[in-house]
Amino acid sequence: MAASLHPILSAVGVISVICLSHPCLANESLVQTEGVSSGVLPATTTAPWAANLDLGWDSKYVSQGRNNLAEGGIYWLNASVQYGNLTTYALVGRGDSQAYTEWNIGLEYAVNLSEHLEANLGYQRIEGYSSSRCQDNELFAELAYTAALG
């Protein structure tokens, strides 16, 4: 098991070094946030390795019932690498109308409980920058049901 995690941990390290050393990707503040996901991660894959890159924009950055940015919205970039049921990801968000950057770096494990029911367990580190710096560690669990429309 430890030998199979080495390539994944190495990939996270490389992504972190590349992203954190880029001069135009930092210097902004974190407001209380919850995990961000662009969709349901598949619990099983046909190939052992998969990579994903998502881009997105939200006109307002709303979580937990409140708008987290005083002005404008937020752009998102998510890069993830999946090996079987284990996914590691790095997500960065940048405010489009104010100085704000947020990094979410995490690890997630998916378990198929039945044909339509999936559980995800994970950890993510959140770093935020604006007028001050803020950080958080989160353990999370998700339960997803996929309805079959017929």
N, C-alpha and C. Protein backbone atom coordinates (compact mmCIF):
# COMPACT_ATOMS: atom_id res chain seq x y z
N MET A 1 0.83 -1.21 0.00
CA MET A 1 0.00 0.00 0.00
C MET A 1 0.86 1.25 0.00
N ALA A 2 1.92 1.29 0.85
CA ALA A 2 2.78 2.48 0.91
C ALA A 2 3.48 2.72 -0.42
N ALA A 3 3.86 1.65 -1.10
CA ALA A 3 4.55 1.81 -2.38
C ALA A 3 3.61 2.41 -3.43
N SER A 4 2.33 2.07 -3.39
CA SER A 4 1.40 2.60 -4.39
C SER A 4 1.03 4.06 -4.12
N LEU A 5 1.19 4.55 -2.88
CA LEU A 5 0.89 5.94 -2.56
C LEU A 5 2.03 6.88 -2.95
N HIS A 6 3.24 6.36 -3.09
CA HIS A 6 4.40 7.21 -3.39
C HIS A 6 4.22 8.04 -4.66
N PRO A 7 3.79 7.46 -5.79
CA PRO A 7 3.60 8.30 -7.00
C PRO A 7 2.54 9.37 -6.81
N ILE A 8 1.49 9.07 -6.05
CA ILE A 8 0.43 10.05 -5.82
C ILE A 8 0.96 11.20 -4.97
N LEU A 9 1.66 10.88 -3.90
CA LEU A 9 2.21 11.93 -3.03
C LEU A 9 3.26 12.75 -3.78
N SER A 10 4.02 12.11 -4.65
CA SER A 10 4.99 12.85 -5.46
C SER A 10 4.29 13.82 -6.40
N ALA A 11 3.17 13.38 -7.01
CA ALA A 11 2.40 14.26 -7.90
C ALA A 11 1.85 15.46 -7.15
N VAL A 12 1.35 15.25 -5.94
CA VAL A 12 0.84 16.36 -5.13
C VAL A 12 1.96 17.34 -4.83
N GLY A 13 3.15 16.82 -4.49
CA GLY A 13 4.29 17.68 -4.21
C GLY A 13 4.69 18.51 -5.41
N VAL A 14 4.74 17.90 -6.58
CA VAL A 14 5.11 18.62 -7.80
C VAL A 14 4.07 19.69 -8.13
N ILE A 15 2.79 19.34 -8.04
CA ILE A 15 1.73 20.32 -8.32
C ILE A 15 1.83 21.48 -7.34
N SER A 16 2.05 21.17 -6.05
CA SER A 16 2.14 22.22 -5.04
C SER A 16 3.32 23.15 -5.29
N VAL A 17 4.49 22.59 -5.61
CA VAL A 17 5.67 23.41 -5.86
C VAL A 17 5.47 24.30 -7.08
N ILE A 18 4.93 23.74 -8.16
CA ILE A 18 4.70 24.52 -9.37
C ILE A 18 3.71 25.64 -9.11
N CYS A 19 2.59 25.31 -8.46
CA CYS A 19 1.54 26.29 -8.24
C CYS A 19 1.96 27.36 -7.25
N LEU A 20 2.60 26.98 -6.15
CA LEU A 20 2.94 27.94 -5.12
C LEU A 20 4.13 28.81 -5.49
N SER A 21 4.96 28.36 -6.45
CA SER A 21 6.11 29.16 -6.84
C SER A 21 5.79 30.14 -7.98
N HIS A 22 4.60 30.05 -8.55
CA HIS A 22 4.22 30.95 -9.63
C HIS A 22 3.95 32.35 -9.06
N PRO A 23 4.63 33.40 -9.53
CA PRO A 23 4.55 34.71 -8.91
C PRO A 23 3.19 35.41 -9.02
N CYS A 24 2.36 35.06 -9.99
CA CYS A 24 1.11 35.81 -10.15
C CYS A 24 -0.08 35.12 -9.50
N LEU A 25 0.13 34.07 -8.69
CA LEU A 25 -0.99 33.33 -8.13
C LEU A 25 -1.18 33.53 -6.63
N ALA A 26 -0.68 34.59 -6.05
CA ALA A 26 -0.85 34.71 -4.61
C ALA A 26 -1.15 36.14 -4.20
N ASN A 27 -1.35 36.32 -2.95
CA ASN A 27 -1.48 37.58 -2.25
C ASN A 27 -2.91 38.06 -2.04
N GLU A 28 -3.76 37.30 -1.43
CA GLU A 28 -5.12 37.70 -1.11
C GLU A 28 -5.76 37.04 0.13
N SER A 29 -7.52 36.86 0.81
CA SER A 29 -8.02 36.42 2.16
C SER A 29 -9.07 35.34 2.11
N LEU A 30 -9.04 34.54 3.09
CA LEU A 30 -9.95 33.41 3.12
C LEU A 30 -11.09 33.67 4.08
N VAL A 31 -12.29 33.49 3.60
CA VAL A 31 -13.47 33.54 4.43
C VAL A 31 -13.89 32.09 4.61
N GLN A 32 -14.59 31.77 5.67
CA GLN A 32 -15.00 30.39 5.94
C GLN A 32 -15.60 29.77 4.68
N THR A 33 -15.06 28.65 4.26
CA THR A 33 -15.53 27.99 3.04
C THR A 33 -15.79 26.53 3.31
N GLU A 34 -16.47 25.90 2.39
CA GLU A 34 -16.66 24.47 2.45
C GLU A 34 -16.00 23.88 1.22
N GLY A 35 -15.83 22.59 1.18
CA GLY A 35 -15.18 21.93 0.07
C GLY A 35 -15.85 22.26 -1.25
N VAL A 36 -15.05 22.39 -2.28
CA VAL A 36 -15.58 22.73 -3.60
C VAL A 36 -15.32 21.54 -4.52
N SER A 37 -16.32 21.13 -5.23
CA SER A 37 -16.18 20.02 -6.14
C SER A 37 -16.91 20.36 -7.42
N SER A 38 -16.30 20.05 -8.55
CA SER A 38 -16.94 20.36 -9.82
C SER A 38 -17.91 19.27 -10.25
N GLY A 39 -17.98 18.19 -9.53
CA GLY A 39 -18.90 17.12 -9.89
C GLY A 39 -18.63 15.89 -9.06
N VAL A 40 -19.43 14.88 -9.27
CA VAL A 40 -19.26 13.63 -8.54
C VAL A 40 -18.09 12.88 -9.14
N LEU A 41 -17.18 12.47 -8.28
CA LEU A 41 -16.03 11.69 -8.75
C LEU A 41 -16.45 10.24 -8.90
N PRO A 42 -16.09 9.59 -9.99
CA PRO A 42 -16.47 8.19 -10.14
C PRO A 42 -15.74 7.33 -9.11
N ALA A 43 -16.42 6.33 -8.54
CA ALA A 43 -15.83 5.48 -7.53
C ALA A 43 -14.92 4.43 -8.14
N THR A 44 -15.14 4.08 -9.38
CA THR A 44 -14.27 3.13 -10.06
C THR A 44 -13.99 3.65 -11.46
N THR A 45 -12.86 3.28 -11.98
CA THR A 45 -12.50 3.68 -13.34
C THR A 45 -12.10 2.45 -14.13
N THR A 46 -12.12 2.57 -15.46
CA THR A 46 -11.69 1.46 -16.29
C THR A 46 -10.17 1.41 -16.36
N ALA A 47 -9.51 2.54 -16.26
CA ALA A 47 -8.05 2.59 -16.24
C ALA A 47 -7.62 2.94 -14.81
N PRO A 48 -6.47 2.42 -14.36
CA PRO A 48 -6.06 2.71 -12.99
C PRO A 48 -5.74 4.18 -12.74
N TRP A 49 -5.25 4.89 -13.75
CA TRP A 49 -4.88 6.30 -13.60
C TRP A 49 -5.79 7.18 -14.45
N ALA A 50 -6.16 8.33 -13.91
CA ALA A 50 -6.92 9.31 -14.67
C ALA A 50 -6.51 10.71 -14.20
N ALA A 51 -6.53 11.67 -15.10
CA ALA A 51 -6.22 13.06 -14.77
C ALA A 51 -7.36 13.93 -15.28
N ASN A 52 -7.60 15.03 -14.57
CA ASN A 52 -8.70 15.91 -14.92
C ASN A 52 -8.28 17.36 -14.71
N LEU A 53 -8.75 18.23 -15.57
CA LEU A 53 -8.51 19.66 -15.45
C LEU A 53 -9.83 20.38 -15.71
N ASP A 54 -10.29 21.17 -14.72
CA ASP A 54 -11.56 21.88 -14.84
C ASP A 54 -11.32 23.37 -14.68
N LEU A 55 -12.03 24.17 -15.49
CA LEU A 55 -12.04 25.62 -15.36
C LEU A 55 -13.46 26.06 -15.09
N GLY A 56 -13.64 27.11 -14.28
CA GLY A 56 -14.99 27.57 -14.02
C GLY A 56 -15.02 29.00 -13.52
N TRP A 57 -16.21 29.57 -13.48
CA TRP A 57 -16.41 30.92 -12.98
C TRP A 57 -17.76 30.98 -12.28
N ASP A 58 -17.81 31.61 -11.13
CA ASP A 58 -19.05 31.85 -10.40
C ASP A 58 -19.24 33.36 -10.29
N SER A 59 -20.45 33.84 -10.62
CA SER A 59 -20.70 35.29 -10.56
C SER A 59 -20.69 35.80 -9.12
N LYS A 60 -20.98 34.94 -8.17
CA LYS A 60 -20.89 35.24 -6.73
C LYS A 60 -20.26 34.03 -6.06
N TYR A 61 -19.42 34.27 -5.06
CA TYR A 61 -18.80 33.16 -4.31
C TYR A 61 -19.62 32.96 -3.03
N VAL A 62 -20.65 32.13 -3.14
CA VAL A 62 -21.58 31.91 -2.02
C VAL A 62 -21.34 30.53 -1.44
N SER A 63 -21.14 30.46 -0.14
CA SER A 63 -21.08 29.18 0.58
C SER A 63 -21.68 29.39 1.96
N GLN A 64 -22.29 28.35 2.47
CA GLN A 64 -22.90 28.39 3.79
C GLN A 64 -23.89 29.55 3.93
N GLY A 65 -24.58 29.88 2.84
CA GLY A 65 -25.63 30.88 2.87
C GLY A 65 -25.18 32.32 2.82
N ARG A 66 -23.91 32.58 2.51
CA ARG A 66 -23.47 33.97 2.46
C ARG A 66 -22.50 34.18 1.29
N ASN A 67 -22.46 35.42 0.81
CA ASN A 67 -21.54 35.80 -0.26
C ASN A 67 -20.19 36.10 0.39
N ASN A 68 -19.14 35.38 -0.01
CA ASN A 68 -17.83 35.51 0.61
C ASN A 68 -16.98 36.65 0.06
N LEU A 69 -17.38 37.23 -1.06
CA LEU A 69 -16.63 38.33 -1.65
C LEU A 69 -17.51 39.57 -1.71
N ALA A 70 -16.97 40.71 -1.29
CA ALA A 70 -17.74 41.95 -1.31
C ALA A 70 -18.06 42.40 -2.74
N GLU A 71 -17.14 42.12 -3.66
CA GLU A 71 -17.31 42.55 -5.05
C GLU A 71 -17.08 41.39 -6.01
N GLY A 72 -17.92 41.26 -7.01
CA GLY A 72 -17.69 40.35 -8.12
C GLY A 72 -17.77 38.88 -7.78
N GLY A 73 -17.20 38.10 -8.68
CA GLY A 73 -17.23 36.65 -8.57
C GLY A 73 -15.84 36.06 -8.45
N ILE A 74 -15.71 34.79 -8.85
CA ILE A 74 -14.44 34.08 -8.68
C ILE A 74 -14.23 33.11 -9.83
N TYR A 75 -12.99 33.04 -10.32
CA TYR A 75 -12.58 32.06 -11.32
C TYR A 75 -11.97 30.87 -10.60
N TRP A 76 -12.20 29.66 -11.10
CA TRP A 76 -11.67 28.45 -10.49
C TRP A 76 -10.87 27.64 -11.50
N LEU A 77 -9.80 27.01 -11.02
CA LEU A 77 -9.03 26.03 -11.79
C LEU A 77 -8.80 24.85 -10.88
N ASN A 78 -9.19 23.65 -11.32
CA ASN A 78 -9.03 22.44 -10.53
C ASN A 78 -8.26 21.42 -11.34
N ALA A 79 -7.18 20.90 -10.77
CA ALA A 79 -6.41 19.82 -11.39
C ALA A 79 -6.46 18.63 -10.44
N SER A 80 -6.78 17.44 -10.96
CA SER A 80 -6.85 16.26 -10.11
C SER A 80 -6.23 15.06 -10.80
N VAL A 81 -5.72 14.16 -9.98
CA VAL A 81 -5.16 12.90 -10.45
C VAL A 81 -5.85 11.81 -9.64
N GLN A 82 -6.35 10.80 -10.35
CA GLN A 82 -7.08 9.71 -9.70
C GLN A 82 -6.38 8.39 -9.98
N TYR A 83 -6.23 7.59 -8.94
CA TYR A 83 -5.73 6.23 -9.07
C TYR A 83 -6.74 5.32 -8.39
N GLY A 84 -7.51 4.57 -9.17
CA GLY A 84 -8.56 3.74 -8.60
C GLY A 84 -9.58 4.62 -7.90
N ASN A 85 -9.79 4.39 -6.61
CA ASN A 85 -10.77 5.16 -5.84
C ASN A 85 -10.15 6.33 -5.11
N LEU A 86 -8.86 6.55 -5.23
CA LEU A 86 -8.16 7.62 -4.53
C LEU A 86 -7.90 8.79 -5.49
N THR A 87 -8.30 9.99 -5.06
CA THR A 87 -8.13 11.19 -5.88
C THR A 87 -7.40 12.25 -5.08
N THR A 88 -6.41 12.87 -5.70
CA THR A 88 -5.74 14.02 -5.10
C THR A 88 -6.00 15.21 -6.02
N TYR A 89 -6.14 16.40 -5.42
CA TYR A 89 -6.49 17.56 -6.23
C TYR A 89 -5.87 18.83 -5.68
N ALA A 90 -5.73 19.79 -6.57
CA ALA A 90 -5.32 21.16 -6.22
C ALA A 90 -6.29 22.09 -6.93
N LEU A 91 -6.96 22.94 -6.15
CA LEU A 91 -7.96 23.85 -6.68
C LEU A 91 -7.54 25.27 -6.30
N VAL A 92 -7.55 26.17 -7.26
CA VAL A 92 -7.24 27.57 -6.97
C VAL A 92 -8.39 28.44 -7.46
N GLY A 93 -8.76 29.41 -6.63
CA GLY A 93 -9.79 30.38 -6.99
C GLY A 93 -9.21 31.79 -6.91
N ARG A 94 -9.55 32.64 -7.89
CA ARG A 94 -9.08 34.04 -7.92
C ARG A 94 -10.29 34.96 -8.10
N GLY A 95 -10.39 35.96 -7.23
CA GLY A 95 -11.47 36.94 -7.37
C GLY A 95 -11.34 37.70 -8.67
N ASP A 96 -12.48 37.97 -9.34
CA ASP A 96 -12.42 38.70 -10.60
C ASP A 96 -12.52 40.21 -10.42
N SER A 97 -12.95 40.68 -9.23
CA SER A 97 -13.11 42.11 -9.02
C SER A 97 -12.44 42.63 -7.76
N GLN A 98 -11.79 41.75 -7.03
CA GLN A 98 -11.08 42.16 -5.82
C GLN A 98 -9.91 41.21 -5.60
N ALA A 99 -8.95 41.68 -4.81
CA ALA A 99 -7.75 40.88 -4.53
C ALA A 99 -8.12 39.73 -3.60
N TYR A 100 -8.21 38.52 -4.14
CA TYR A 100 -8.55 37.34 -3.37
C TYR A 100 -8.04 36.10 -4.09
N THR A 101 -7.30 35.25 -3.38
CA THR A 101 -6.85 33.97 -3.91
C THR A 101 -7.10 32.91 -2.85
N GLU A 102 -7.59 31.75 -3.27
CA GLU A 102 -7.82 30.63 -2.36
C GLU A 102 -7.27 29.36 -2.98
N TRP A 103 -6.52 28.60 -2.18
CA TRP A 103 -5.99 27.29 -2.58
C TRP A 103 -6.66 26.21 -1.75
N ASN A 104 -7.15 25.17 -2.37
CA ASN A 104 -7.64 23.97 -1.70
C ASN A 104 -6.83 22.80 -2.25
N ILE A 105 -6.09 22.12 -1.40
CA ILE A 105 -5.29 20.96 -1.81
C ILE A 105 -5.75 19.79 -0.96
N GLY A 106 -6.13 18.68 -1.60
CA GLY A 106 -6.71 17.61 -0.82
C GLY A 106 -6.54 16.23 -1.40
N LEU A 107 -7.05 15.28 -0.61
CA LEU A 107 -7.01 13.87 -0.92
C LEU A 107 -8.39 13.31 -0.59
N GLU A 108 -8.96 12.50 -1.50
CA GLU A 108 -10.32 11.99 -1.32
C GLU A 108 -10.38 10.51 -1.72
N TYR A 109 -11.11 9.73 -0.93
CA TYR A 109 -11.28 8.31 -1.21
C TYR A 109 -12.77 8.02 -1.41
N ALA A 110 -13.12 7.34 -2.49
CA ALA A 110 -14.52 7.04 -2.82
C ALA A 110 -14.80 5.56 -2.61
N VAL A 111 -15.99 5.26 -2.07
CA VAL A 111 -16.42 3.89 -1.84
C VAL A 111 -17.82 3.72 -2.42
N ASN A 112 -18.01 2.73 -3.28
CA ASN A 112 -19.34 2.40 -3.80
C ASN A 112 -20.06 1.55 -2.76
N LEU A 113 -21.16 2.08 -2.22
CA LEU A 113 -21.93 1.33 -1.23
C LEU A 113 -23.00 0.47 -1.90
N SER A 114 -23.52 0.93 -3.03
CA SER A 114 -24.47 0.17 -3.84
C SER A 114 -24.40 0.73 -5.26
N GLU A 115 -25.27 0.25 -6.13
CA GLU A 115 -25.26 0.71 -7.52
C GLU A 115 -25.47 2.22 -7.65
N HIS A 116 -26.27 2.81 -6.78
CA HIS A 116 -26.60 4.23 -6.87
C HIS A 116 -26.11 5.05 -5.67
N LEU A 117 -25.41 4.44 -4.73
CA LEU A 117 -24.99 5.13 -3.51
C LEU A 117 -23.49 5.08 -3.35
N GLU A 118 -22.89 6.26 -3.14
CA GLU A 118 -21.44 6.38 -3.03
C GLU A 118 -21.08 7.23 -1.82
N ALA A 119 -20.02 6.86 -1.12
CA ALA A 119 -19.51 7.64 0.00
C ALA A 119 -18.11 8.12 -0.34
N ASN A 120 -17.79 9.36 0.04
CA ASN A 120 -16.47 9.93 -0.16
C ASN A 120 -15.95 10.42 1.18
N LEU A 121 -14.70 10.11 1.48
CA LEU A 121 -14.03 10.56 2.69
C LEU A 121 -12.76 11.29 2.27
N GLY A 122 -12.43 12.39 2.95
CA GLY A 122 -11.24 13.11 2.51
C GLY A 122 -10.72 14.13 3.49
N TYR A 123 -9.62 14.71 3.08
CA TYR A 123 -8.95 15.78 3.82
C TYR A 123 -8.58 16.86 2.82
N GLN A 124 -8.71 18.14 3.22
CA GLN A 124 -8.22 19.22 2.38
C GLN A 124 -7.62 20.33 3.24
N ARG A 125 -6.60 20.94 2.71
CA ARG A 125 -5.94 22.09 3.30
C ARG A 125 -6.39 23.30 2.50
N ILE A 126 -6.84 24.34 3.20
CA ILE A 126 -7.29 25.57 2.55
C ILE A 126 -6.36 26.70 2.97
N GLU A 127 -5.86 27.44 2.00
CA GLU A 127 -5.03 28.63 2.23
C GLU A 127 -5.69 29.78 1.49
N GLY A 128 -5.85 30.90 2.14
CA GLY A 128 -6.46 32.05 1.50
C GLY A 128 -5.65 33.31 1.70
N TYR A 129 -5.69 34.18 0.71
CA TYR A 129 -4.90 35.41 0.73
C TYR A 129 -5.73 36.58 0.23
N SER A 130 -5.72 37.68 0.96
CA SER A 130 -6.20 38.98 0.48
C SER A 130 -5.52 40.02 1.35
N SER A 131 -6.27 40.81 2.11
CA SER A 131 -5.62 41.78 3.00
C SER A 131 -4.93 41.07 4.16
N SER A 132 -5.32 39.82 4.44
CA SER A 132 -4.66 39.00 5.45
C SER A 132 -4.64 37.57 4.96
N ARG A 133 -3.84 36.74 5.64
CA ARG A 133 -3.74 35.34 5.27
C ARG A 133 -4.56 34.51 6.25
N CYS A 134 -5.19 33.46 5.73
CA CYS A 134 -6.00 32.58 6.57
C CYS A 134 -5.80 31.15 6.08
N GLN A 135 -5.91 30.19 6.97
CA GLN A 135 -5.78 28.79 6.57
C GLN A 135 -6.69 27.92 7.42
N ASP A 136 -6.99 26.72 6.88
CA ASP A 136 -7.87 25.79 7.57
C ASP A 136 -7.55 24.38 7.11
N ASN A 137 -7.76 23.41 7.99
CA ASN A 137 -7.67 21.99 7.66
C ASN A 137 -9.06 21.41 7.81
N GLU A 138 -9.51 20.62 6.83
CA GLU A 138 -10.85 20.06 6.90
C GLU A 138 -10.83 18.56 6.63
N LEU A 139 -11.53 17.83 7.47
CA LEU A 139 -11.86 16.44 7.19
C LEU A 139 -13.30 16.45 6.72
N PHE A 140 -13.62 15.69 5.68
CA PHE A 140 -14.99 15.72 5.19
C PHE A 140 -15.47 14.33 4.80
N ALA A 141 -16.78 14.18 4.81
CA ALA A 141 -17.44 12.97 4.36
C ALA A 141 -18.65 13.40 3.54
N GLU A 142 -18.88 12.72 2.43
CA GLU A 142 -20.01 13.01 1.56
C GLU A 142 -20.73 11.71 1.24
N LEU A 143 -22.01 11.80 1.11
CA LEU A 143 -22.82 10.67 0.70
C LEU A 143 -23.61 11.12 -0.52
N ALA A 144 -23.46 10.41 -1.63
CA ALA A 144 -24.12 10.82 -2.88
C ALA A 144 -25.00 9.68 -3.40
N TYR A 145 -26.23 10.05 -3.75
CA TYR A 145 -27.17 9.10 -4.35
C TYR A 145 -27.46 9.56 -5.77
N THR A 146 -27.34 8.64 -6.71
CA THR A 146 -27.63 8.93 -8.11
C THR A 146 -28.94 8.24 -8.48
N ALA A 147 -29.93 9.04 -8.80
CA ALA A 147 -31.24 8.50 -9.17
C ALA A 147 -31.23 8.05 -10.62
N ALA A 148 -31.84 6.93 -10.87
CA ALA A 148 -31.97 6.42 -12.23
C ALA A 148 -33.30 6.89 -12.80
N LEU A 149 -33.21 7.78 -13.80
CA LEU A 149 -34.43 8.28 -14.44
C LEU A 149 -34.79 7.34 -15.58
N GLY A 150 -36.04 6.94 -15.64
CA GLY A 150 -36.39 5.97 -16.66
C GLY A 150 -37.57 6.26 -17.41
